[in-house]
Amino acid sequence: MDLKQLRYFLSIMESGSITRAAETLCIAQPALSLHIKNLEEELGVCLFSCSVQGVKVTPSGELLYRHAKGLVVRQADNTKLLRSTRASRTGRSWSACLTAPRT
């Protein structure tokens, strides 16, 4: 599971439609469906049930939604924090190099 899959999942949840989520994300609907299918297979659960009326979230999908939302928000917050830290450094360059001991 990766953050892209979680963002795709959240977009479907928030739009209520795979088609609308695909349009919002600017990806093809079949590609979005494949990402969700792969996520479901990895987790071993069904996240949505599909019907003529559209997609309906399953209890497993509801549980993932509550946790995924927080993860994606924290990732965005961490990215902003690290970018602001990088921007606030003045004239100093930080680097590190790890080397393995020679045997």
Protein backbone atom coordinates (compact mmCIF):
# COMPACT_ATOMS: atom_id res chain seq x y z
CA MET A 1 0.00 0.00 0.00
CA ASP A 2 1.34 3.42 -0.86
CA LEU A 3 0.19 7.00 -0.43
CA LYS A 4 -0.92 7.28 -4.06
CA GLN A 5 -3.33 4.38 -3.58
CA LEU A 6 -4.64 5.97 -0.40
CA ARG A 7 -5.15 9.32 -2.14
CA TYR A 8 -7.02 7.56 -4.94
CA PHE A 9 -9.15 5.69 -2.40
CA LEU A 10 -9.92 8.94 -0.54
CA SER A 11 -10.89 10.67 -3.78
CA ILE A 12 -13.45 7.95 -4.53
CA MET A 13 -14.80 8.17 -1.00
CA GLU A 14 -15.10 11.95 -1.11
CA SER A 15 -16.60 12.16 -4.60
CA GLY A 16 -18.86 9.13 -4.19
CA SER A 17 -18.01 7.95 -7.69
CA ILE A 18 -15.10 6.26 -9.41
CA THR A 19 -15.79 8.24 -12.58
CA ARG A 20 -15.85 11.61 -10.78
CA ALA A 21 -12.73 10.68 -8.80
CA ALA A 22 -10.92 9.73 -12.02
CA GLU A 23 -11.87 13.07 -13.55
CA THR A 24 -10.68 14.94 -10.45
CA LEU A 25 -7.41 13.00 -10.39
CA CYS A 26 -6.95 13.38 -14.18
CA ILE A 27 -6.48 9.65 -14.73
CA ALA A 28 -8.46 7.13 -16.74
CA GLN A 29 -11.27 5.39 -14.88
CA PRO A 30 -9.96 1.88 -15.70
CA ALA A 31 -6.54 2.83 -14.27
CA LEU A 32 -8.15 4.11 -11.07
CA SER A 33 -10.23 0.94 -10.78
CA LEU A 34 -7.07 -1.14 -11.17
CA HIS A 35 -5.32 0.78 -8.38
CA ILE A 36 -8.27 0.12 -6.07
CA LYS A 37 -8.41 -3.55 -7.09
CA ASN A 38 -4.70 -3.90 -6.27
CA LEU A 39 -5.23 -2.18 -2.92
CA GLU A 40 -8.12 -4.51 -2.10
CA GLU A 41 -6.04 -7.55 -3.04
CA GLU A 42 -3.12 -6.38 -0.92
CA LEU A 43 -5.36 -5.75 2.09
CA GLY A 44 -7.46 -8.86 1.51
CA VAL A 45 -10.74 -6.96 1.84
CA CYS A 46 -13.38 -5.44 -0.39
CA LEU A 47 -13.47 -1.64 0.02
CA PHE A 48 -16.43 -0.86 -2.24
CA SER A 49 -19.44 -2.68 -3.58
CA CYS A 50 -20.55 -1.63 -7.04
CA SER A 51 -24.11 -1.41 -8.24
CA VAL A 52 -26.17 0.39 -10.84
CA GLN A 53 -26.42 3.35 -8.44
CA GLY A 54 -22.62 3.58 -8.17
CA VAL A 55 -20.14 2.58 -5.51
CA LYS A 56 -21.01 1.99 -1.90
CA VAL A 57 -18.35 1.78 0.78
CA THR A 58 -18.05 -1.43 2.79
CA PRO A 59 -17.34 -1.52 6.55
CA SER A 60 -13.69 -2.26 5.71
CA GLY A 61 -13.68 0.79 3.44
CA GLU A 62 -15.08 2.95 6.25
CA LEU A 63 -12.33 1.74 8.58
CA LEU A 64 -9.62 2.42 6.01
CA TYR A 65 -11.09 5.87 5.33
CA ARG A 66 -10.78 6.92 8.97
CA HIS A 67 -7.12 5.90 9.09
CA ALA A 68 -6.10 6.85 5.53
CA LYS A 69 -7.35 10.41 5.86
CA GLY A 70 -5.04 11.01 8.83
CA LEU A 71 -2.06 9.41 7.09
CA VAL A 72 -2.43 11.52 3.97
CA VAL A 73 -2.89 14.72 5.99
CA ARG A 74 0.19 13.93 8.12
CA GLN A 75 2.24 13.21 5.01
CA ALA A 76 1.25 16.57 3.51
CA ASP A 77 2.08 18.32 6.80
CA ASN A 78 5.49 16.62 6.95
CA THR A 79 6.25 17.64 3.38
CA LYS A 80 5.35 21.28 4.13
CA LEU A 81 7.47 21.23 7.29
CA LEU A 82 10.51 19.80 5.55
CA ARG A 83 10.21 22.19 2.63
CA SER A 84 9.93 25.18 4.96
CA THR A 85 12.97 23.96 6.90
CA ARG A 86 14.94 23.68 3.68
CA ALA A 87 13.86 27.18 2.64
CA SER A 88 14.80 28.70 5.99
CA ARG A 89 18.43 27.52 5.91
CA THR A 90 20.69 30.35 4.84
CA GLY A 91 23.99 29.73 3.17
CA ARG A 92 24.59 26.33 4.70
CA SER A 93 24.61 23.08 2.91
CA TRP A 94 23.87 19.91 4.84
CA SER A 95 24.89 16.55 3.56
CA ALA A 96 25.62 13.15 4.98
CA CYS A 97 27.31 10.13 3.58
CA LEU A 98 27.11 6.65 4.99
CA THR A 99 29.75 4.19 4.02
CA ALA A 100 29.95 0.54 4.79
CA PRO A 101 33.07 -0.64 6.62
CA ARG A 102 35.60 -2.36 4.42
CA THR A 103 36.14 -6.02 5.08
